Amino acid sequence: MRSPLMAMVLQRCPRCRDGAIFSGVIAVHERCPSCGLLFEREHGYFTGGMVAGYTLGVPLLALLILAAGRLTASLEWGLLIGNLLFVPLAIAVFRYGRVAWLHLDRAIDRDPDP
């Protein structure tokens, strides 16, 4: 059995820590392929995932902008390069925001799905 942290890193189910959460790049399985846990329990459930993604994305973007600004010694170039570097990471931030939300919700509400 994987640790909760390793399950998050590997984007696995918060209950069994084995089944994949995503069926595609951004598509989430309706239920865990291994244990059947319902991932989206209600309409708008992943709004919390957007908050988690924002919490992950803003500091990452700020670090990229600061690093690029230091390397170029220009605020404008730092903003441009930092944002361009962030674009390919946006999908990962989206995915890990949803994963973090699922794991946090599971930690708070242990038996959400009968």
PDB file of N, CA and C in Angstrom:
ATOM      1  N   MET A   1       0.842  -1.186   0.000  1.00  0.00           N
ATOM      2  CA  MET A   1       0.000   0.000   0.000  1.00  0.00           C
ATOM      3  C   MET A   1       0.882   1.242   0.000  1.00  0.00           C
ATOM      4  N   ARG A   2       0.565   2.156  -0.894  1.00  0.00           N
ATOM      5  CA  ARG A   2       1.334   3.400  -1.003  1.00  0.00           C
ATOM      6  C   ARG A   2       1.021   4.336   0.155  1.00  0.00           C
ATOM      7  N   SER A   3       1.970   5.222   0.450  1.00  0.00           N
ATOM      8  CA  SER A   3       1.720   6.273   1.433  1.00  0.00           C
ATOM      9  C   SER A   3       0.793   7.306   0.802  1.00  0.00           C
ATOM     10  N   PRO A   4       0.090   8.090   1.622  1.00  0.00           N
ATOM     11  CA  PRO A   4      -0.788   9.120   1.065  1.00  0.00           C
ATOM     12  C   PRO A   4      -0.035  10.121   0.186  1.00  0.00           C
ATOM     13  N   LEU A   5       1.161  10.497   0.582  1.00  0.00           N
ATOM     14  CA  LEU A   5       1.947  11.445  -0.212  1.00  0.00           C
ATOM     15  C   LEU A   5       2.338  10.848  -1.560  1.00  0.00           C
ATOM     16  N   MET A   6       2.750   9.597  -1.568  1.00  0.00           N
ATOM     17  CA  MET A   6       3.125   8.948  -2.835  1.00  0.00           C
ATOM     18  C   MET A   6       1.899   8.778  -3.726  1.00  0.00           C
ATOM     19  N   ALA A   7       0.737   8.496  -3.131  1.00  0.00           N
ATOM     20  CA  ALA A   7      -0.497   8.387  -3.912  1.00  0.00           C
ATOM     21  C   ALA A   7      -0.832   9.725  -4.564  1.00  0.00           C
ATOM     22  N   MET A   8      -0.589  10.829  -3.868  1.00  0.00           N
ATOM     23  CA  MET A   8      -0.828  12.155  -4.447  1.00  0.00           C
ATOM     24  C   MET A   8       0.146  12.433  -5.584  1.00  0.00           C
ATOM     25  N   VAL A   9       1.406  12.118  -5.368  1.00  0.00           N
ATOM     26  CA  VAL A   9       2.423  12.351  -6.407  1.00  0.00           C
ATOM     27  C   VAL A   9       2.107  11.548  -7.657  1.00  0.00           C
ATOM     28  N   LEU A  10       1.667  10.306  -7.481  1.00  0.00           N
ATOM     29  CA  LEU A  10       1.348   9.431  -8.609  1.00  0.00           C
ATOM     30  C   LEU A  10      -0.074   9.631  -9.131  1.00  0.00           C
ATOM     31  N   GLN A  11      -0.831  10.543  -8.507  1.00  0.00           N
ATOM     32  CA  GLN A  11      -2.202  10.877  -8.896  1.00  0.00           C
ATOM     33  C   GLN A  11      -3.111   9.650  -8.835  1.00  0.00           C
ATOM     34  N   ARG A  12      -3.127   9.033  -7.655  1.00  0.00           N
ATOM     35  CA  ARG A  12      -3.917   7.829  -7.423  1.00  0.00           C
ATOM     36  C   ARG A  12      -5.078   8.116  -6.477  1.00  0.00           C
ATOM     37  N   CYS A  13      -6.015   7.206  -6.446  1.00  0.00           N
ATOM     38  CA  CYS A  13      -7.227   7.300  -5.628  1.00  0.00           C
ATOM     39  C   CYS A  13      -6.878   7.520  -4.152  1.00  0.00           C
ATOM     40  N   PRO A  14      -7.616   8.424  -3.468  1.00  0.00           N
ATOM     41  CA  PRO A  14      -7.317   8.643  -2.055  1.00  0.00           C
ATOM     42  C   PRO A  14      -7.759   7.504  -1.139  1.00  0.00           C
ATOM     43  N   ARG A  15      -8.686   6.645  -1.599  1.00  0.00           N
ATOM     44  CA  ARG A  15      -9.135   5.530  -0.754  1.00  0.00           C
ATOM     45  C   ARG A  15      -8.201   4.334  -0.880  1.00  0.00           C
ATOM     46  N   CYS A  16      -8.061   3.790  -2.083  1.00  0.00           N
ATOM     47  CA  CYS A  16      -7.250   2.567  -2.256  1.00  0.00           C
ATOM     48  C   CYS A  16      -5.795   2.879  -2.604  1.00  0.00           C
ATOM     49  N   ARG A  17      -5.539   4.097  -3.043  1.00  0.00           N
ATOM     50  CA  ARG A  17      -4.197   4.567  -3.431  1.00  0.00           C
ATOM     51  C   ARG A  17      -3.611   3.758  -4.586  1.00  0.00           C
ATOM     52  N   ASP A  18      -4.496   3.136  -5.372  1.00  0.00           N
ATOM     53  CA  ASP A  18      -4.046   2.312  -6.485  1.00  0.00           C
ATOM     54  C   ASP A  18      -4.622   2.779  -7.821  1.00  0.00           C
ATOM     55  N   GLY A  19      -5.905   3.048  -7.874  1.00  0.00           N
ATOM     56  CA  GLY A  19      -6.571   3.416  -9.122  1.00  0.00           C
ATOM     57  C   GLY A  19      -6.206   4.813  -9.595  1.00  0.00           C
ATOM     58  N   ALA A  20      -6.059   4.965 -10.902  1.00  0.00           N
ATOM     59  CA  ALA A  20      -5.737   6.262 -11.492  1.00  0.00           C
ATOM     60  C   ALA A  20      -6.939   7.206 -11.384  1.00  0.00           C
ATOM     61  N   ILE A  21      -6.681   8.463 -11.089  1.00  0.00           N
ATOM     62  CA  ILE A  21      -7.740   9.465 -11.010  1.00  0.00           C
ATOM     63  C   ILE A  21      -8.114   9.946 -12.404  1.00  0.00           C
ATOM     64  N   PHE A  22      -7.133  10.128 -13.264  1.00  0.00           N
ATOM     65  CA  PHE A  22      -7.367  10.699 -14.591  1.00  0.00           C
ATOM     66  C   PHE A  22      -7.429   9.609 -15.659  1.00  0.00           C
ATOM     67  N   SER A  23      -8.379   9.789 -16.589  1.00  0.00           N
ATOM     68  CA  SER A  23      -8.497   8.874 -17.719  1.00  0.00           C
ATOM     69  C   SER A  23      -7.858   9.465 -18.970  1.00  0.00           C
ATOM     70  N   GLY A  24      -7.528  10.723 -18.935  1.00  0.00           N
ATOM     71  CA  GLY A  24      -6.884  11.417 -20.051  1.00  0.00           C
ATOM     72  C   GLY A  24      -6.039  12.547 -19.496  1.00  0.00           C
ATOM     73  N   VAL A  25      -5.738  13.517 -20.333  1.00  0.00           N
ATOM     74  CA  VAL A  25      -4.907  14.632 -19.888  1.00  0.00           C
ATOM     75  C   VAL A  25      -5.627  15.443 -18.818  1.00  0.00           C
ATOM     76  N   ILE A  26      -6.906  15.762 -19.055  1.00  0.00           N
ATOM     77  CA  ILE A  26      -7.658  16.515 -18.052  1.00  0.00           C
ATOM     78  C   ILE A  26      -8.961  15.824 -17.630  1.00  0.00           C
ATOM     79  N   ALA A  27      -9.296  14.708 -18.248  1.00  0.00           N
ATOM     80  CA  ALA A  27     -10.536  13.999 -17.929  1.00  0.00           C
ATOM     81  C   ALA A  27     -10.350  13.123 -16.689  1.00  0.00           C
ATOM     82  N   VAL A  28     -11.287  13.256 -15.759  1.00  0.00           N
ATOM     83  CA  VAL A  28     -11.261  12.479 -14.520  1.00  0.00           C
ATOM     84  C   VAL A  28     -12.215  11.295 -14.668  1.00  0.00           C
ATOM     85  N   HIS A  29     -11.764  10.127 -14.204  1.00  0.00           N
ATOM     86  CA  HIS A  29     -12.670   8.969 -14.157  1.00  0.00           C
ATOM     87  C   HIS A  29     -13.867   9.331 -13.278  1.00  0.00           C
ATOM     88  N   GLU A  30     -15.033   8.786 -13.626  1.00  0.00           N
ATOM     89  CA  GLU A  30     -16.207   9.005 -12.772  1.00  0.00           C
ATOM     90  C   GLU A  30     -16.017   8.292 -11.436  1.00  0.00           C
ATOM     91  N   ARG A  31     -15.487   7.080 -11.492  1.00  0.00           N
ATOM     92  CA  ARG A  31     -15.206   6.280 -10.297  1.00  0.00           C
ATOM     93  C   ARG A  31     -13.792   5.712 -10.396  1.00  0.00           C
ATOM     94  N   CYS A  32     -13.243   5.382  -9.245  1.00  0.00           N
ATOM     95  CA  CYS A  32     -11.923   4.753  -9.216  1.00  0.00           C
ATOM     96  C   CYS A  32     -11.998   3.406  -9.927  1.00  0.00           C
ATOM     97  N   PRO A  33     -11.076   3.144 -10.860  1.00  0.00           N
ATOM     98  CA  PRO A  33     -11.084   1.850 -11.548  1.00  0.00           C
ATOM     99  C   PRO A  33     -10.815   0.663 -10.622  1.00  0.00           C
ATOM    100  N   SER A  34     -10.197   0.905  -9.474  1.00  0.00           N
ATOM    101  CA  SER A  34      -9.861  -0.196  -8.561  1.00  0.00           C
ATOM    102  C   SER A  34     -10.911  -0.433  -7.478  1.00  0.00           C
ATOM    103  N   CYS A  35     -11.300   0.633  -6.762  1.00  0.00           N
ATOM    104  CA  CYS A  35     -12.193   0.435  -5.611  1.00  0.00           C
ATOM    105  C   CYS A  35     -13.592   1.004  -5.812  1.00  0.00           C
ATOM    106  N   GLY A  36     -13.819   1.753  -6.880  1.00  0.00           N
ATOM    107  CA  GLY A  36     -15.151   2.274  -7.165  1.00  0.00           C
ATOM    108  C   GLY A  36     -15.522   3.561  -6.456  1.00  0.00           C
ATOM    109  N   LEU A  37     -14.584   4.221  -5.788  1.00  0.00           N
ATOM    110  CA  LEU A  37     -14.865   5.491  -5.117  1.00  0.00           C
ATOM    111  C   LEU A  37     -15.346   6.516  -6.132  1.00  0.00           C
ATOM    112  N   LEU A  38     -16.468   7.160  -5.847  1.00  0.00           N
ATOM    113  CA  LEU A  38     -17.011   8.198  -6.703  1.00  0.00           C
ATOM    114  C   LEU A  38     -16.166   9.455  -6.532  1.00  0.00           C
ATOM    115  N   PHE A  39     -15.535   9.917  -7.612  1.00  0.00           N
ATOM    116  CA  PHE A  39     -14.646  11.064  -7.512  1.00  0.00           C
ATOM    117  C   PHE A  39     -15.409  12.383  -7.451  1.00  0.00           C
ATOM    118  N   GLU A  40     -16.336  12.621  -8.365  1.00  0.00           N
ATOM    119  CA  GLU A  40     -17.090  13.870  -8.358  1.00  0.00           C
ATOM    120  C   GLU A  40     -18.437  13.603  -7.698  1.00  0.00           C
ATOM    121  N   ARG A  41     -18.541  13.961  -6.416  1.00  0.00           N
ATOM    122  CA  ARG A  41     -19.708  13.588  -5.629  1.00  0.00           C
ATOM    123  C   ARG A  41     -20.937  14.437  -5.914  1.00  0.00           C
ATOM    124  N   GLU A  42     -20.753  15.633  -6.432  1.00  0.00           N
ATOM    125  CA  GLU A  42     -21.868  16.513  -6.751  1.00  0.00           C
ATOM    126  C   GLU A  42     -21.440  17.508  -7.809  1.00  0.00           C
ATOM    127  N   HIS A  43     -22.412  18.153  -8.428  1.00  0.00           N
ATOM    128  CA  HIS A  43     -22.116  19.162  -9.437  1.00  0.00           C
ATOM    129  C   HIS A  43     -21.324  20.304  -8.788  1.00  0.00           C
ATOM    130  N   GLY A  44     -20.219  20.681  -9.389  1.00  0.00           N
ATOM    131  CA  GLY A  44     -19.382  21.747  -8.846  1.00  0.00           C
ATOM    132  C   GLY A  44     -18.404  21.290  -7.781  1.00  0.00           C
ATOM    133  N   TYR A  45     -18.262  19.992  -7.617  1.00  0.00           N
ATOM    134  CA  TYR A  45     -17.391  19.440  -6.571  1.00  0.00           C
ATOM    135  C   TYR A  45     -15.951  19.924  -6.710  1.00  0.00           C
ATOM    136  N   PHE A  46     -15.470  20.033  -7.941  1.00  0.00           N
ATOM    137  CA  PHE A  46     -14.065  20.379  -8.137  1.00  0.00           C
ATOM    138  C   PHE A  46     -13.787  21.880  -8.085  1.00  0.00           C
ATOM    139  N   THR A  47     -14.750  22.669  -7.594  1.00  0.00           N
ATOM    140  CA  THR A  47     -14.477  24.082  -7.354  1.00  0.00           C
ATOM    141  C   THR A  47     -13.357  24.211  -6.323  1.00  0.00           C
ATOM    142  N   GLY A  48     -13.364  23.335  -5.347  1.00  0.00           N
ATOM    143  CA  GLY A  48     -12.279  23.295  -4.366  1.00  0.00           C
ATOM    144  C   GLY A  48     -10.956  22.946  -5.015  1.00  0.00           C
ATOM    145  N   GLY A  49     -11.010  22.130  -6.073  1.00  0.00           N
ATOM    146  CA  GLY A  49      -9.801  21.799  -6.820  1.00  0.00           C
ATOM    147  C   GLY A  49      -9.225  23.018  -7.530  1.00  0.00           C
ATOM    148  N   MET A  50     -10.111  23.933  -7.946  1.00  0.00           N
ATOM    149  CA  MET A  50      -9.633  25.173  -8.562  1.00  0.00           C
ATOM    150  C   MET A  50      -8.895  26.025  -7.533  1.00  0.00           C
ATOM    151  N   VAL A  51      -9.409  26.059  -6.317  1.00  0.00           N
ATOM    152  CA  VAL A  51      -8.749  26.804  -5.251  1.00  0.00           C
ATOM    153  C   VAL A  51      -7.390  26.174  -4.938  1.00  0.00           C
ATOM    154  N   ALA A  52      -7.349  24.851  -4.881  1.00  0.00           N
ATOM    155  CA  ALA A  52      -6.080  24.158  -4.626  1.00  0.00           C
ATOM    156  C   ALA A  52      -5.092  24.409  -5.771  1.00  0.00           C
ATOM    157  N   GLY A  53      -5.574  24.374  -7.011  1.00  0.00           N
ATOM    158  CA  GLY A  53      -4.709  24.656  -8.154  1.00  0.00           C
ATOM    159  C   GLY A  53      -4.186  26.080  -8.136  1.00  0.00           C
ATOM    160  N   TYR A  54      -5.033  27.013  -7.756  1.00  0.00           N
ATOM    161  CA  TYR A  54      -4.622  28.415  -7.631  1.00  0.00           C
ATOM    162  C   TYR A  54      -3.555  28.546  -6.546  1.00  0.00           C
ATOM    163  N   THR A  55      -3.755  27.838  -5.436  1.00  0.00           N
ATOM    164  CA  THR A  55      -2.797  27.865  -4.336  1.00  0.00           C
ATOM    165  C   THR A  55      -1.440  27.286  -4.763  1.00  0.00           C
ATOM    166  N   LEU A  56      -1.457  26.311  -5.645  1.00  0.00           N
ATOM    167  CA  LEU A  56      -0.207  25.745  -6.168  1.00  0.00           C
ATOM    168  C   LEU A  56       0.393  26.618  -7.267  1.00  0.00           C
ATOM    169  N   GLY A  57      -0.466  27.159  -8.125  1.00  0.00           N
ATOM    170  CA  GLY A  57      -0.007  27.861  -9.311  1.00  0.00           C
ATOM    171  C   GLY A  57       0.568  29.244  -9.069  1.00  0.00           C
ATOM    172  N   VAL A  58      -0.037  30.012  -8.167  1.00  0.00           N
ATOM    173  CA  VAL A  58       0.422  31.390  -7.952  1.00  0.00           C
ATOM    174  C   VAL A  58       1.862  31.438  -7.426  1.00  0.00           C
ATOM    175  N   PRO A  59       2.218  30.671  -6.385  1.00  0.00           N
ATOM    176  CA  PRO A  59       3.616  30.712  -5.946  1.00  0.00           C
ATOM    177  C   PRO A  59       4.596  30.212  -7.017  1.00  0.00           C
ATOM    178  N   LEU A  60       4.184  29.202  -7.785  1.00  0.00           N
ATOM    179  CA  LEU A  60       5.037  28.694  -8.858  1.00  0.00           C
ATOM    180  C   LEU A  60       5.258  29.763  -9.916  1.00  0.00           C
ATOM    181  N   LEU A  61       4.206  30.435 -10.321  1.00  0.00           N
ATOM    182  CA  LEU A  61       4.323  31.513 -11.300  1.00  0.00           C
ATOM    183  C   LEU A  61       5.184  32.653 -10.764  1.00  0.00           C
ATOM    184  N   ALA A  62       4.991  33.001  -9.503  1.00  0.00           N
ATOM    185  CA  ALA A  62       5.799  34.068  -8.898  1.00  0.00           C
ATOM    186  C   ALA A  62       7.279  33.697  -8.897  1.00  0.00           C
ATOM    187  N   LEU A  63       7.601  32.456  -8.571  1.00  0.00           N
ATOM    188  CA  LEU A  63       9.002  32.018  -8.585  1.00  0.00           C
ATOM    189  C   LEU A  63       9.599  32.069  -9.994  1.00  0.00           C
ATOM    190  N   LEU A  64       8.817  31.644 -10.980  1.00  0.00           N
ATOM    191  CA  LEU A  64       9.303  31.695 -12.360  1.00  0.00           C
ATOM    192  C   LEU A  64       9.541  33.134 -12.813  1.00  0.00           C
ATOM    193  N   ILE A  65       8.629  34.027 -12.463  1.00  0.00           N
ATOM    194  CA  ILE A  65       8.785  35.438 -12.838  1.00  0.00           C
ATOM    195  C   ILE A  65       9.994  36.042 -12.138  1.00  0.00           C
ATOM    196  N   LEU A  66      10.151  35.757 -10.846  1.00  0.00           N
ATOM    197  CA  LEU A  66      11.303  36.288 -10.112  1.00  0.00           C
ATOM    198  C   LEU A  66      12.623  35.758 -10.670  1.00  0.00           C
ATOM    199  N   ALA A  67      12.663  34.466 -10.957  1.00  0.00           N
ATOM    200  CA  ALA A  67      13.898  33.883 -11.505  1.00  0.00           C
ATOM    201  C   ALA A  67      14.208  34.462 -12.877  1.00  0.00           C
ATOM    202  N   ALA A  68      13.196  34.576 -13.723  1.00  0.00           N
ATOM    203  CA  ALA A  68      13.418  35.137 -15.058  1.00  0.00           C
ATOM    204  C   ALA A  68      13.786  36.615 -14.962  1.00  0.00           C
ATOM    205  N   GLY A  69      13.179  37.325 -14.036  1.00  0.00           N
ATOM    206  CA  GLY A  69      13.517  38.739 -13.840  1.00  0.00           C
ATOM    207  C   GLY A  69      14.943  38.922 -13.372  1.00  0.00           C
ATOM    208  N   ARG A  70      15.406  38.038 -12.522  1.00  0.00           N
ATOM    209  CA  ARG A  70      16.809  38.109 -12.053  1.00  0.00           C
ATOM    210  C   ARG A  70      17.780  37.824 -13.197  1.00  0.00           C
ATOM    211  N   LEU A  71      17.439  36.837 -14.016  1.00  0.00           N
ATOM    212  CA  LEU A  71      18.332  36.471 -15.119  1.00  0.00           C
ATOM    213  C   LEU A  71      18.382  37.544 -16.199  1.00  0.00           C
ATOM    214  N   THR A  72      17.259  38.206 -16.452  1.00  0.00           N
ATOM    215  CA  THR A  72      17.218  39.213 -17.513  1.00  0.00           C
ATOM    216  C   THR A  72      17.433  40.624 -17.005  1.00  0.00           C
ATOM    217  N   ALA A  73      17.352  40.836 -15.690  1.00  0.00           N
ATOM    218  CA  ALA A  73      17.482  42.160 -15.075  1.00  0.00           C
ATOM    219  C   ALA A  73      16.443  43.131 -15.619  1.00  0.00           C
ATOM    220  N   SER A  74      15.278  42.599 -16.004  1.00  0.00           N
ATOM    221  CA  SER A  74      14.212  43.437 -16.550  1.00  0.00           C
ATOM    222  C   SER A  74      12.875  42.879 -16.084  1.00  0.00           C
ATOM    223  N   LEU A  75      12.032  43.745 -15.512  1.00  0.00           N
ATOM    224  CA  LEU A  75      10.729  43.316 -15.043  1.00  0.00           C
ATOM    225  C   LEU A  75       9.853  42.841 -16.198  1.00  0.00           C
ATOM    226  N   GLU A  76       9.874  43.576 -17.303  1.00  0.00           N
ATOM    227  CA  GLU A  76       9.039  43.221 -18.445  1.00  0.00           C
ATOM    228  C   GLU A  76       9.424  41.862 -19.025  1.00  0.00           C
ATOM    229  N   TRP A  77      10.723  41.651 -19.226  1.00  0.00           N
ATOM    230  CA  TRP A  77      11.182  40.361 -19.752  1.00  0.00           C
ATOM    231  C   TRP A  77      10.961  39.244 -18.737  1.00  0.00           C
ATOM    232  N   GLY A  78      11.113  39.567 -17.465  1.00  0.00           N
ATOM    233  CA  GLY A  78      10.844  38.573 -16.422  1.00  0.00           C
ATOM    234  C   GLY A  78       9.398  38.123 -16.436  1.00  0.00           C
ATOM    235  N   LEU A  79       8.469  39.080 -16.577  1.00  0.00           N
ATOM    236  CA  LEU A  79       7.049  38.737 -16.670  1.00  0.00           C
ATOM    237  C   LEU A  79       6.756  37.894 -17.903  1.00  0.00           C
ATOM    238  N   LEU A  80       7.297  38.290 -19.028  1.00  0.00           N
ATOM    239  CA  LEU A  80       7.048  37.564 -20.274  1.00  0.00           C
ATOM    240  C   LEU A  80       7.604  36.145 -20.211  1.00  0.00           C
ATOM    241  N   ILE A  81       8.865  36.027 -19.843  1.00  0.00           N
ATOM    242  CA  ILE A  81       9.511  34.708 -19.814  1.00  0.00           C
ATOM    243  C   ILE A  81       8.900  33.823 -18.724  1.00  0.00           C
ATOM    244  N   GLY A  82       8.629  34.388 -17.553  1.00  0.00           N
ATOM    245  CA  GLY A  82       8.011  33.618 -16.470  1.00  0.00           C
ATOM    246  C   GLY A  82       6.654  33.068 -16.864  1.00  0.00           C
ATOM    247  N   ASN A  83       5.844  33.896 -17.525  1.00  0.00           N
ATOM    248  CA  ASN A  83       4.530  33.430 -17.979  1.00  0.00           C
ATOM    249  C   ASN A  83       4.653  32.377 -19.073  1.00  0.00           C
ATOM    250  N   LEU A  84       5.587  32.563 -19.986  1.00  0.00           N
ATOM    251  CA  LEU A  84       5.779  31.565 -21.039  1.00  0.00           C
ATOM    252  C   LEU A  84       6.263  30.234 -20.473  1.00  0.00           C
ATOM    253  N   LEU A  85       7.092  30.282 -19.441  1.00  0.00           N
ATOM    254  CA  LEU A  85       7.545  29.046 -18.800  1.00  0.00           C
ATOM    255  C   LEU A  85       6.420  28.363 -18.026  1.00  0.00           C
ATOM    256  N   PHE A  86       5.463  29.155 -17.551  1.00  0.00           N
ATOM    257  CA  PHE A  86       4.361  28.593 -16.772  1.00  0.00           C
ATOM    258  C   PHE A  86       3.333  27.867 -17.644  1.00  0.00           C
ATOM    259  N   VAL A  87       3.177  28.296 -18.883  1.00  0.00           N
ATOM    260  CA  VAL A  87       2.127  27.736 -19.753  1.00  0.00           C
ATOM    261  C   VAL A  87       2.182  26.204 -19.834  1.00  0.00           C
ATOM    262  N   PRO A  88       3.342  25.585 -20.092  1.00  0.00           N
ATOM    263  CA  PRO A  88       3.339  24.114 -20.146  1.00  0.00           C
ATOM    264  C   PRO A  88       3.088  23.457 -18.776  1.00  0.00           C
ATOM    265  N   LEU A  89       3.299  24.193 -17.701  1.00  0.00           N
ATOM    266  CA  LEU A  89       3.083  23.641 -16.359  1.00  0.00           C
ATOM    267  C   LEU A  89       1.634  23.774 -15.904  1.00  0.00           C
ATOM    268  N   ALA A  90       0.819  24.513 -16.654  1.00  0.00           N
ATOM    269  CA  ALA A  90      -0.568  24.768 -16.250  1.00  0.00           C
ATOM    270  C   ALA A  90      -1.378  23.474 -16.141  1.00  0.00           C
ATOM    271  N   ILE A  91      -1.164  22.530 -17.042  1.00  0.00           N
ATOM    272  CA  ILE A  91      -1.889  21.251 -16.982  1.00  0.00           C
ATOM    273  C   ILE A  91      -1.512  20.492 -15.707  1.00  0.00           C
ATOM    274  N   ALA A  92      -0.239  20.483 -15.363  1.00  0.00           N
ATOM    275  CA  ALA A  92       0.194  19.796 -14.140  1.00  0.00           C
ATOM    276  C   ALA A  92      -0.415  20.466 -12.907  1.00  0.00           C
ATOM    277  N   VAL A  93      -0.470  21.790 -12.892  1.00  0.00           N
ATOM    278  CA  VAL A  93      -1.076  22.512 -11.771  1.00  0.00           C
ATOM    279  C   VAL A  93      -2.560  22.171 -11.679  1.00  0.00           C
ATOM    280  N   PHE A  94      -3.242  22.128 -12.821  1.00  0.00           N
ATOM    281  CA  PHE A  94      -4.656  21.751 -12.860  1.00  0.00           C
ATOM    282  C   PHE A  94      -4.858  20.351 -12.276  1.00  0.00           C
ATOM    283  N   ARG A  95      -4.058  19.407 -12.741  1.00  0.00           N
ATOM    284  CA  ARG A  95      -4.203  18.027 -12.292  1.00  0.00           C
ATOM    285  C   ARG A  95      -3.907  17.885 -10.796  1.00  0.00           C
ATOM    286  N   TYR A  96      -2.806  18.471 -10.336  1.00  0.00           N
ATOM    287  CA  TYR A  96      -2.455  18.337  -8.925  1.00  0.00           C
ATOM    288  C   TYR A  96      -3.405  19.115  -8.022  1.00  0.00           C
ATOM    289  N   GLY A  97      -4.039  20.160  -8.540  1.00  0.00           N
ATOM    290  CA  GLY A  97      -5.075  20.843  -7.769  1.00  0.00           C
ATOM    291  C   GLY A  97      -6.248  19.922  -7.497  1.00  0.00           C
ATOM    292  N   ARG A  98      -6.675  19.186  -8.520  1.00  0.00           N
ATOM    293  CA  ARG A  98      -7.776  18.235  -8.344  1.00  0.00           C
ATOM    294  C   ARG A  98      -7.374  17.074  -7.432  1.00  0.00           C
ATOM    295  N   VAL A  99      -6.161  16.582  -7.609  1.00  0.00           N
ATOM    296  CA  VAL A  99      -5.671  15.480  -6.761  1.00  0.00           C
ATOM    297  C   VAL A  99      -5.617  15.924  -5.302  1.00  0.00           C
ATOM    298  N   ALA A 100      -5.079  17.119  -5.072  1.00  0.00           N
ATOM    299  CA  ALA A 100      -4.988  17.629  -3.697  1.00  0.00           C
ATOM    300  C   ALA A 100      -6.374  17.789  -3.087  1.00  0.00           C
ATOM    301  N   TRP A 101      -7.339  18.268  -3.877  1.00  0.00           N
ATOM    302  CA  TRP A 101      -8.703  18.425  -3.386  1.00  0.00           C
ATOM    303  C   TRP A 101      -9.319  17.072  -3.031  1.00  0.00           C
ATOM    304  N   LEU A 102      -9.167  16.084  -3.892  1.00  0.00           N
ATOM    305  CA  LEU A 102      -9.708  14.756  -3.611  1.00  0.00           C
ATOM    306  C   LEU A 102      -9.117  14.174  -2.323  1.00  0.00           C
ATOM    307  N   HIS A 103      -7.809  14.304  -2.159  1.00  0.00           N
ATOM    308  CA  HIS A 103      -7.158  13.746  -0.976  1.00  0.00           C
ATOM    309  C   HIS A 103      -7.543  14.510   0.289  1.00  0.00           C
ATOM    310  N   LEU A 104      -7.650  15.834   0.187  1.00  0.00           N
ATOM    311  CA  LEU A 104      -8.071  16.626   1.344  1.00  0.00           C
ATOM    312  C   LEU A 104      -9.506  16.277   1.736  1.00  0.00           C
ATOM    313  N   ASP A 105     -10.388  16.178   0.757  1.00  0.00           N
ATOM    314  CA  ASP A 105     -11.781  15.834   1.040  1.00  0.00           C
ATOM    315  C   ASP A 105     -11.882  14.446   1.663  1.00  0.00           C
ATOM    316  N   ARG A 106     -11.123  13.518   1.171  1.00  0.00           N
ATOM    317  CA  ARG A 106     -11.125  12.145   1.712  1.00  0.00           C
ATOM    318  C   ARG A 106     -10.585  12.136   3.149  1.00  0.00           C
ATOM    319  N   ALA A 107      -9.598  12.978   3.449  1.00  0.00           N
ATOM    320  CA  ALA A 107      -9.045  13.045   4.796  1.00  0.00           C
ATOM    321  C   ALA A 107     -10.065  13.628   5.776  1.00  0.00           C
ATOM    322  N   ILE A 108     -10.893  14.555   5.295  1.00  0.00           N
ATOM    323  CA  ILE A 108     -11.906  15.179   6.156  1.00  0.00           C
ATOM    324  C   ILE A 108     -13.132  14.292   6.303  1.00  0.00           C
ATOM    325  N   ASP A 109     -13.581  13.700   5.187  1.00  0.00           N
ATOM    326  CA  ASP A 109     -14.791  12.876   5.174  1.00  0.00           C
ATOM    327  C   ASP A 109     -14.412  11.463   4.729  1.00  0.00           C
ATOM    328  N   ARG A 110     -14.131  10.603   5.684  1.00  0.00           N
ATOM    329  CA  ARG A 110     -13.599   9.272   5.418  1.00  0.00           C
ATOM    330  C   ARG A 110     -14.501   8.373   4.596  1.00  0.00           C
ATOM    331  N   ASP A 111     -15.802   8.462   4.748  1.00  0.00           N
ATOM    332  CA  ASP A 111     -16.708   7.561   4.041  1.00  0.00           C
ATOM    333  C   ASP A 111     -17.703   8.350   3.192  1.00  0.00           C
ATOM    334  N   PRO A 112     -17.216   9.025   2.143  1.00  0.00           N
ATOM    335  CA  PRO A 112     -18.112   9.821   1.336  1.00  0.00           C
ATOM    336  C   PRO A 112     -18.970   8.989   0.399  1.00  0.00           C
ATOM    337  N   ASP A 113     -18.571   7.767   0.105  1.00  0.00           N
ATOM    338  CA  ASP A 113     -19.274   6.941  -0.868  1.00  0.00           C
ATOM    339  C   ASP A 113     -19.583   5.584  -0.245  1.00  0.00           C
ATOM    340  N   PRO A 114     -20.858   5.245  -0.109  1.00  0.00           N
ATOM    341  CA  PRO A 114     -21.185   3.966   0.537  1.00  0.00           C
ATOM    342  C   PRO A 114     -20.763   2.767  -0.276  1.00  0.00           C
TER     343      PRO A 114
END
